[in-house]
Amino acid sequence: MKQSTLCPRFEKAVSLLSQRWTALVIYQMLDAPQRFGAIQSAIGVSGKVLSDRLKDMEQEGLVKRDVYPETPVIIEYSLTDKGRSLEPVLRDIEQWSQDWIPPKTSDETDLTESHQ
């Protein structure tokens, strides 16, 4: 049987987006820059995991961290052009989920509660 080979760039992209919480963090920042607490409360991720994901995404060039030297210090996270370019991909996934994923019933547990 012939083994198919995936493009290394495609593998890297899928690996990056499939990291737990990464796509949700990017999705949360599509409309506007966000502060850490706003992202955390919107998606229900732990502070440590969110901090790790933001650092990873910053290293990958998807997210920019802006520090405003006020009292108290304000830190905002925003998408770079590279991060923003994922918007059509995430919007397509959003549409696919609306078309194919059944609505959650009241007796199902919230994914964010059971998988942190």
Protein backbone atom coordinates (compact mmCIF):
# COMPACT_ATOMS: atom_id res chain seq x y z
CA MET A 1 0.00 0.00 0.00
CA LYS A 2 1.35 3.41 -0.97
CA GLN A 3 1.88 5.72 1.97
CA SER A 4 0.74 9.28 1.32
CA THR A 5 2.96 12.12 2.37
CA LEU A 6 1.60 15.35 3.71
CA CYS A 7 3.20 18.65 3.00
CA PRO A 8 5.32 19.60 6.05
CA ARG A 9 3.80 23.10 6.02
CA PHE A 10 0.28 21.65 6.17
CA GLU A 11 1.30 19.35 9.03
CA LYS A 12 2.76 22.33 10.92
CA ALA A 13 -0.40 24.39 10.37
CA VAL A 14 -2.70 21.60 11.56
CA SER A 15 -0.46 20.92 14.54
CA LEU A 16 -0.48 24.59 15.50
CA LEU A 17 -4.25 25.01 15.20
CA SER A 18 -5.02 21.73 16.91
CA GLN A 19 -3.22 22.71 20.12
CA ARG A 20 -5.81 22.86 22.85
CA TRP A 21 -7.42 26.34 23.08
CA THR A 22 -5.34 27.93 20.30
CA ALA A 23 -8.13 28.26 17.73
CA LEU A 24 -10.55 29.52 20.40
CA VAL A 25 -8.09 32.18 21.56
CA ILE A 26 -7.57 33.36 17.97
CA TYR A 27 -11.32 33.34 17.37
CA GLN A 28 -11.85 35.43 20.50
CA MET A 29 -9.47 38.11 19.19
CA LEU A 30 -10.92 38.36 15.67
CA ASP A 31 -13.06 41.40 16.47
CA ALA A 32 -10.71 43.44 18.63
CA PRO A 33 -7.61 43.33 20.84
CA GLN A 34 -8.29 41.67 24.18
CA ARG A 35 -6.87 41.76 27.66
CA PHE A 36 -5.83 38.50 29.34
CA GLY A 37 -8.78 38.41 31.76
CA ALA A 38 -11.32 39.00 28.98
CA ILE A 39 -9.94 36.11 26.92
CA GLN A 40 -9.80 33.86 29.96
CA SER A 41 -13.37 34.51 31.04
CA ALA A 42 -14.76 34.31 27.49
CA ILE A 43 -13.41 30.83 26.77
CA GLY A 44 -13.05 29.40 30.28
CA VAL A 45 -9.39 28.39 30.09
CA SER A 46 -7.07 28.30 33.10
CA GLY A 47 -4.62 31.19 33.51
CA LYS A 48 -1.55 28.96 33.14
CA VAL A 49 -2.77 27.33 29.94
CA LEU A 50 -3.82 30.68 28.45
CA SER A 51 -0.45 32.19 29.31
CA ASP A 52 1.34 29.26 27.65
CA ARG A 53 -0.84 29.47 24.53
CA LEU A 54 -0.38 33.22 24.18
CA LYS A 55 3.41 32.81 24.47
CA ASP A 56 3.37 30.05 21.85
CA MET A 57 1.23 32.12 19.50
CA GLU A 58 3.44 35.16 20.01
CA GLN A 59 6.52 33.07 19.10
CA GLU A 60 4.72 31.81 15.98
CA GLY A 61 3.93 35.39 14.96
CA LEU A 62 0.16 35.02 15.32
CA VAL A 63 -0.32 37.32 18.31
CA LYS A 64 1.19 40.62 19.34
CA ARG A 65 1.49 41.67 22.99
CA ASP A 66 1.22 45.40 23.69
CA VAL A 67 2.17 46.80 27.08
CA TYR A 68 0.83 50.21 28.06
CA PRO A 69 2.87 51.71 30.93
CA GLU A 70 0.00 53.07 32.97
CA THR A 71 -0.93 52.49 36.56
CA PRO A 72 -1.81 49.67 36.67
CA VAL A 73 0.03 48.36 33.62
CA ILE A 74 -2.31 47.39 30.79
CA ILE A 75 -1.42 44.46 28.55
CA GLU A 76 -3.42 43.81 25.40
CA TYR A 77 -3.17 40.96 22.95
CA SER A 78 -4.05 41.37 19.29
CA LEU A 79 -3.72 39.35 16.13
CA THR A 80 -0.91 40.05 13.71
CA ASP A 81 -1.59 39.97 9.98
CA LYS A 82 -0.54 36.31 10.07
CA GLY A 83 -3.02 35.57 12.87
CA ARG A 84 -5.80 37.58 11.23
CA SER A 85 -5.30 35.63 8.00
CA LEU A 86 -6.80 32.62 9.82
CA GLU A 87 -10.19 34.35 10.03
CA PRO A 88 -11.68 32.75 6.90
CA VAL A 89 -10.54 29.32 8.08
CA LEU A 90 -12.12 29.80 11.51
CA ARG A 91 -15.31 31.28 10.02
CA ASP A 92 -15.58 28.23 7.74
CA ILE A 93 -15.16 25.93 10.75
CA GLU A 94 -17.80 27.97 12.58
CA GLN A 95 -20.22 27.54 9.66
CA TRP A 96 -19.42 23.82 9.40
CA SER A 97 -20.16 23.43 13.12
CA GLN A 98 -23.53 25.16 12.68
CA ASP A 99 -24.37 22.83 9.81
CA TRP A 100 -23.14 19.55 11.25
CA ILE A 101 -22.76 19.63 15.05
CA PRO A 102 -26.05 19.10 16.91
CA PRO A 103 -26.93 21.64 19.60
CA LYS A 104 -25.86 20.74 23.13
CA THR A 105 -28.65 19.36 25.29
CA SER A 106 -29.18 20.49 28.86
CA ASP A 107 -27.87 17.20 30.28
CA GLU A 108 -24.52 17.42 28.44
CA THR A 109 -21.60 18.94 30.33
CA ASP A 110 -19.84 22.00 29.03
CA LEU A 111 -16.57 21.07 27.25
CA THR A 112 -14.70 23.87 29.01
CA GLU A 113 -15.70 22.51 32.41
CA SER A 114 -14.76 18.90 31.76
CA HIS A 115 -11.50 19.31 29.82
CA GLN A 116 -9.39 22.02 31.45
